[in-house]
C-alpha atoms as a PDB file:
ATOM      1  CA  MET A   1      99.218 120.638  73.073  1.00  0.00           C
ATOM      2  CA  ARG A   2      98.514 121.390  76.712  1.00  0.00           C
ATOM      3  CA  VAL A   3      97.980 118.574  79.137  1.00  0.00           C
ATOM      4  CA  PHE A   4      95.539 119.012  82.011  1.00  0.00           C
ATOM      5  CA  VAL A   5      95.696 116.585  84.912  1.00  0.00           C
ATOM      6  CA  GLN A   6      92.475 115.884  86.767  1.00  0.00           C
ATOM      7  CA  ASP A   7      92.332 116.014  90.545  1.00  0.00           C
ATOM      8  CA  SER A   8      91.574 112.298  90.619  1.00  0.00           C
ATOM      9  CA  ALA A   9      94.852 111.634  88.784  1.00  0.00           C
ATOM     10  CA  TYR A  10      96.768 113.620  91.396  1.00  0.00           C
ATOM     11  CA  ALA A  11      95.065 111.542  94.069  1.00  0.00           C
ATOM     12  CA  ASP A  12      96.163 108.384  92.237  1.00  0.00           C
ATOM     13  CA  LEU A  13      99.741 109.670  92.116  1.00  0.00           C
ATOM     14  CA  GLU A  14      99.664 110.329  95.854  1.00  0.00           C
ATOM     15  CA  ARG A  15      98.431 106.783  96.503  1.00  0.00           C
ATOM     16  CA  ILE A  16     101.139 105.340  94.242  1.00  0.00           C
ATOM     17  CA  CYS A  17     103.756 107.399  96.050  1.00  0.00           C
ATOM     18  CA  ARG A  18     102.572 106.337  99.525  1.00  0.00           C
ATOM     19  CA  TRP A  19     102.391 102.677  98.513  1.00  0.00           C
ATOM     20  CA  THR A  20     105.864 102.656  96.949  1.00  0.00           C
ATOM     21  CA  ALA A  21     107.377 104.687  99.792  1.00  0.00           C
ATOM     22  CA  GLN A  22     106.527 101.907 102.244  1.00  0.00           C
ATOM     23  CA  ASP A  23     109.400  99.938 100.723  1.00  0.00           C
ATOM     24  CA  SER A  24     111.589 102.753  99.440  1.00  0.00           C
ATOM     25  CA  PRO A  25     111.041 106.521  99.615  1.00  0.00           C
ATOM     26  CA  GLN A  26     113.682 106.995  96.921  1.00  0.00           C
ATOM     27  CA  ALA A  27     111.913 104.592  94.596  1.00  0.00           C
ATOM     28  CA  ALA A  28     108.606 106.375  95.244  1.00  0.00           C
ATOM     29  CA  SER A  29     110.108 109.657  94.121  1.00  0.00           C
ATOM     30  CA  LYS A  30     111.525 108.081  90.968  1.00  0.00           C
ATOM     31  CA  VAL A  31     108.233 106.371  90.103  1.00  0.00           C
ATOM     32  CA  VAL A  32     106.215 109.569  90.459  1.00  0.00           C
ATOM     33  CA  GLN A  33     108.832 111.488  88.477  1.00  0.00           C
ATOM     34  CA  LYS A  34     108.754 108.929  85.664  1.00  0.00           C
ATOM     35  CA  ILE A  35     104.960 109.017  85.514  1.00  0.00           C
ATOM     36  CA  GLY A  36     105.084 112.834  85.415  1.00  0.00           C
ATOM     37  CA  GLN A  37     107.613 112.790  82.570  1.00  0.00           C
ATOM     38  CA  ASN A  38     105.368 110.490  80.587  1.00  0.00           C
ATOM     39  CA  ILE A  39     102.365 112.742  81.184  1.00  0.00           C
ATOM     40  CA  GLU A  40     104.407 115.671  79.848  1.00  0.00           C
ATOM     41  CA  ARG A  41     105.380 113.588  76.814  1.00  0.00           C
ATOM     42  CA  LEU A  42     101.702 113.363  75.889  1.00  0.00           C
ATOM     43  CA  GLY A  43     101.716 117.108  75.261  1.00  0.00           C
ATOM     44  CA  PHE A  44     104.241 116.591  72.471  1.00  0.00           C
ATOM     45  CA  PHE A  45     102.905 113.270  71.175  1.00  0.00           C
ATOM     46  CA  PRO A  46      99.159 113.222  71.931  1.00  0.00           C
ATOM     47  CA  ARG A  47      98.494 110.039  69.945  1.00  0.00           C
ATOM     48  CA  ILE A  48     101.435 108.058  71.309  1.00  0.00           C
ATOM     49  CA  GLY A  49      99.207 105.532  73.050  1.00  0.00           C
ATOM     50  CA  GLN A  50      96.637 103.082  71.858  1.00  0.00           C
ATOM     51  CA  ALA A  51      92.868 103.321  71.723  1.00  0.00           C
ATOM     52  CA  GLY A  52      91.497 103.093  75.240  1.00  0.00           C
ATOM     53  CA  SER A  53      88.882 100.732  76.542  1.00  0.00           C
ATOM     54  CA  ALA A  54      86.645 103.714  77.325  1.00  0.00           C
ATOM     55  CA  ARG A  55      85.146 105.496  74.339  1.00  0.00           C
ATOM     56  CA  GLU A  56      87.192 108.405  72.935  1.00  0.00           C
ATOM     57  CA  THR A  57      90.189 107.766  75.187  1.00  0.00           C
ATOM     58  CA  PHE A  58      93.750 106.658  74.663  1.00  0.00           C
ATOM     59  CA  GLU A  59      95.983 104.690  76.989  1.00  0.00           C
ATOM     60  CA  TRP A  60      99.736 104.969  77.406  1.00  0.00           C
ATOM     61  CA  VAL A  61     101.598 102.338  79.402  1.00  0.00           C
ATOM     62  CA  VAL A  62     104.413 103.938  81.388  1.00  0.00           C
ATOM     63  CA  PRO A  63     107.579 102.174  80.183  1.00  0.00           C
ATOM     64  CA  ARG A  64     108.967  99.666  82.706  1.00  0.00           C
ATOM     65  CA  LEU A  65     106.250 100.441  85.237  1.00  0.00           C
ATOM     66  CA  PRO A  66     102.879  98.759  85.813  1.00  0.00           C
ATOM     67  CA  TYR A  67     100.891 101.969  85.320  1.00  0.00           C
ATOM     68  CA  VAL A  68      98.658 103.171  82.513  1.00  0.00           C
ATOM     69  CA  ILE A  69      97.902 106.816  81.772  1.00  0.00           C
ATOM     70  CA  VAL A  70      94.383 107.230  80.393  1.00  0.00           C
ATOM     71  CA  TYR A  71      93.797 110.375  78.384  1.00  0.00           C
END
Protein backbone atom coordinates (compact mmCIF):
# COMPACT_ATOMS: atom_id res chain seq x y z
CA MET A 1 0.00 0.00 0.00
CA ARG A 2 1.24 3.49 -0.77
CA VAL A 3 1.40 6.06 1.96
CA PHE A 4 0.72 9.71 1.14
CA VAL A 5 1.77 12.35 3.64
CA GLN A 6 -0.26 15.54 3.76
CA ASP A 7 1.41 18.93 3.71
CA SER A 8 0.11 19.59 7.21
CA ALA A 9 1.95 16.49 8.44
CA TYR A 10 5.20 17.77 6.94
CA ALA A 11 4.60 21.06 8.73
CA ASP A 12 4.10 19.14 11.99
CA LEU A 13 7.37 17.28 11.42
CA GLU A 14 9.18 20.57 10.86
CA ARG A 15 7.77 21.95 14.12
CA ILE A 16 8.78 18.79 16.00
CA CYS A 17 12.27 19.03 14.54
CA ARG A 18 12.68 22.71 15.45
CA TRP A 19 11.38 22.15 18.97
CA THR A 20 13.63 19.15 19.62
CA ALA A 21 16.65 20.82 18.01
CA GLN A 22 16.56 23.56 20.64
CA ASP A 23 17.96 21.01 23.08
CA SER A 24 19.76 18.67 20.71
CA PRO A 25 20.07 18.83 16.91
CA GLN A 26 21.17 15.19 16.88
CA ALA A 27 18.11 14.12 18.83
CA ALA A 28 15.89 16.12 16.46
CA SER A 29 17.26 14.21 13.50
CA LYS A 30 16.71 10.88 15.22
CA VAL A 31 13.15 11.76 16.24
CA VAL A 32 12.16 12.80 12.72
CA GLN A 33 13.85 9.71 11.29
CA LYS A 34 11.99 7.43 13.70
CA ILE A 35 8.66 9.06 12.87
CA GLY A 36 9.42 8.67 9.15
CA GLN A 37 10.26 4.98 9.60
CA ASN A 38 6.96 4.43 11.36
CA ILE A 39 5.07 6.21 8.59
CA GLU A 40 6.75 3.88 6.08
CA ARG A 41 5.77 0.89 8.22
CA LEU A 42 2.12 1.80 7.70
CA GLY A 43 2.53 1.00 4.01
CA PHE A 44 3.31 -2.61 4.92
CA PHE A 45 0.93 -2.91 7.88
CA PRO A 46 -1.96 -0.49 7.23
CA ARG A 47 -4.05 -1.73 10.16
CA ILE A 48 -1.24 -1.76 12.71
CA GLY A 49 -2.81 0.98 14.81
CA GLN A 50 -6.04 1.29 16.68
CA ALA A 51 -9.31 2.91 15.71
CA GLY A 52 -8.89 6.66 15.77
CA SER A 53 -10.97 9.19 17.62
CA ALA A 54 -11.98 10.72 14.28
CA ARG A 55 -14.35 8.67 12.16
CA GLU A 56 -12.71 6.29 9.66
CA THR A 57 -9.18 6.92 10.93
CA PHE A 58 -6.56 4.87 12.70
CA GLU A 59 -3.90 6.01 15.13
CA TRP A 60 -0.41 4.61 15.59
CA VAL A 61 1.65 5.68 18.59
CA VAL A 62 5.31 6.01 17.63
CA PRO A 63 7.15 3.59 19.94
CA ARG A 64 9.07 5.33 22.74
CA LEU A 65 8.05 8.78 21.53
CA PRO A 66 5.11 10.97 22.54
CA TYR A 67 3.75 11.25 18.99
CA VAL A 68 0.73 9.74 17.30
CA ILE A 69 0.40 9.20 13.55
CA VAL A 70 -3.21 9.59 12.43
CA TYR A 71 -4.08 7.89 9.17
